[in-house]
């Protein structure tokens, strides 16, 4: 039971992190093309979003690993 909860929670967090990374990529491409604001404050927010997305995906993958080991 705990293994399944850890596994599904990990899958959810991993997908959430990947969605966040996709959003970062889209925003960075828009800034590169000149379609979006490339100010320092905007870039700092983008870096923070990127770090949060990577951390979320990492934590999700760790939970998936724990869920699979507990099976």
C-alpha atoms as a PDB file:
ATOM      1  CA  UNK A   1       0.000   0.000   0.000  1.00  0.00           C
ATOM      2  CA  UNK A   2       2.751   2.485   0.964  1.00  0.00           C
ATOM      3  CA  UNK A   3       4.756   1.442  -2.084  1.00  0.00           C
ATOM      4  CA  UNK A   4       1.856   2.224  -4.406  1.00  0.00           C
ATOM      5  CA  UNK A   5       1.288   5.622  -2.801  1.00  0.00           C
ATOM      6  CA  UNK A   6       5.000   6.471  -3.127  1.00  0.00           C
ATOM      7  CA  UNK A   7       5.035   5.254  -6.721  1.00  0.00           C
ATOM      8  CA  UNK A   8       1.981   7.231  -7.855  1.00  0.00           C
ATOM      9  CA  UNK A   9       3.007  10.343  -5.925  1.00  0.00           C
ATOM     10  CA  UNK A  10       6.428  10.095  -7.533  1.00  0.00           C
ATOM     11  CA  UNK A  11       4.955   9.756 -10.996  1.00  0.00           C
ATOM     12  CA  UNK A  12       2.756  12.803 -10.378  1.00  0.00           C
ATOM     13  CA  UNK A  13       5.671  14.904  -9.120  1.00  0.00           C
ATOM     14  CA  UNK A  14       7.897  13.825 -11.998  1.00  0.00           C
ATOM     15  CA  UNK A  15       5.286  14.784 -14.575  1.00  0.00           C
ATOM     16  CA  UNK A  16       4.700  18.084 -12.766  1.00  0.00           C
ATOM     17  CA  UNK A  17       8.434  18.794 -12.889  1.00  0.00           C
ATOM     18  CA  UNK A  18       8.590  17.976 -16.591  1.00  0.00           C
ATOM     19  CA  UNK A  19       5.690  20.340 -17.277  1.00  0.00           C
ATOM     20  CA  UNK A  20       7.584  23.034 -15.388  1.00  0.00           C
ATOM     21  CA  UNK A  21      10.687  22.385 -17.467  1.00  0.00           C
ATOM     22  CA  UNK A  22       8.636  22.633 -20.653  1.00  0.00           C
ATOM     23  CA  UNK A  23       7.285  25.990 -19.469  1.00  0.00           C
ATOM     24  CA  UNK A  24      10.845  27.189 -18.819  1.00  0.00           C
ATOM     25  CA  UNK A  25      11.938  26.126 -22.288  1.00  0.00           C
ATOM     26  CA  UNK A  26       8.990  27.891 -23.922  1.00  0.00           C
ATOM     27  CA  UNK A  27       9.685  31.086 -21.963  1.00  0.00           C
ATOM     28  CA  UNK A  28      13.407  30.996 -22.784  1.00  0.00           C
ATOM     29  CA  UNK A  29      12.684  30.538 -26.487  1.00  0.00           C
ATOM     30  CA  UNK A  30      10.269  33.476 -26.382  1.00  0.00           C
ATOM     31  CA  UNK A  31      12.923  35.650 -24.711  1.00  0.00           C
ATOM     32  CA  UNK A  32      15.519  34.591 -27.266  1.00  0.00           C
ATOM     33  CA  UNK A  33      13.199  35.516 -30.131  1.00  0.00           C
ATOM     34  CA  UNK A  34      12.436  38.859 -28.534  1.00  0.00           C
ATOM     35  CA  UNK A  35       8.749  38.070 -27.990  1.00  0.00           C
ATOM     36  CA  UNK A  36       8.932  38.287 -24.189  1.00  0.00           C
ATOM     37  CA  UNK A  37      10.503  40.536 -21.596  1.00  0.00           C
ATOM     38  CA  UNK A  38      14.138  39.662 -21.022  1.00  0.00           C
ATOM     39  CA  UNK A  39      14.758  41.908 -18.026  1.00  0.00           C
ATOM     40  CA  UNK A  40      16.886  40.815 -15.104  1.00  0.00           C
ATOM     41  CA  UNK A  41      13.865  40.357 -12.826  1.00  0.00           C
ATOM     42  CA  UNK A  42      12.126  38.192 -15.434  1.00  0.00           C
ATOM     43  CA  UNK A  43      15.233  36.069 -15.930  1.00  0.00           C
ATOM     44  CA  UNK A  44      15.627  35.607 -12.166  1.00  0.00           C
ATOM     45  CA  UNK A  45      12.040  34.312 -12.013  1.00  0.00           C
ATOM     46  CA  UNK A  46      12.797  31.967 -14.912  1.00  0.00           C
ATOM     47  CA  UNK A  47      15.878  30.595 -13.133  1.00  0.00           C
ATOM     48  CA  UNK A  48      13.860  30.071  -9.947  1.00  0.00           C
ATOM     49  CA  UNK A  49      11.121  28.276 -11.897  1.00  0.00           C
ATOM     50  CA  UNK A  50      13.736  26.113 -13.594  1.00  0.00           C
ATOM     51  CA  UNK A  51      15.365  25.144 -10.287  1.00  0.00           C
ATOM     52  CA  UNK A  52      11.972  24.359  -8.764  1.00  0.00           C
ATOM     53  CA  UNK A  53      10.991  22.221 -11.743  1.00  0.00           C
ATOM     54  CA  UNK A  54      14.247  20.265 -11.678  1.00  0.00           C
ATOM     55  CA  UNK A  55      13.949  19.762  -7.916  1.00  0.00           C
ATOM     56  CA  UNK A  56      10.360  18.583  -8.225  1.00  0.00           C
ATOM     57  CA  UNK A  57      11.243  16.133 -10.993  1.00  0.00           C
ATOM     58  CA  UNK A  58      14.210  14.846  -8.972  1.00  0.00           C
ATOM     59  CA  UNK A  59      12.095  14.373  -5.845  1.00  0.00           C
ATOM     60  CA  UNK A  60       9.456  12.583  -7.931  1.00  0.00           C
ATOM     61  CA  UNK A  61      12.011  10.220  -9.422  1.00  0.00           C
ATOM     62  CA  UNK A  62      13.374   9.519  -5.934  1.00  0.00           C
ATOM     63  CA  UNK A  63       9.852   8.624  -4.774  1.00  0.00           C
ATOM     64  CA  UNK A  64       9.390   6.352  -7.791  1.00  0.00           C
ATOM     65  CA  UNK A  65      12.645   4.604  -6.884  1.00  0.00           C
ATOM     66  CA  UNK A  66      11.545   4.181  -3.270  1.00  0.00           C
ATOM     67  CA  UNK A  67       8.143   2.889  -4.394  1.00  0.00           C
ATOM     68  CA  UNK A  68       9.764   0.328  -6.663  1.00  0.00           C
ATOM     69  CA  UNK A  69      12.213  -0.803  -3.986  1.00  0.00           C
ATOM     70  CA  UNK A  70       9.400  -1.283  -1.468  1.00  0.00           C
ATOM     71  CA  UNK A  71       7.388  -3.485  -3.808  1.00  0.00           C
END
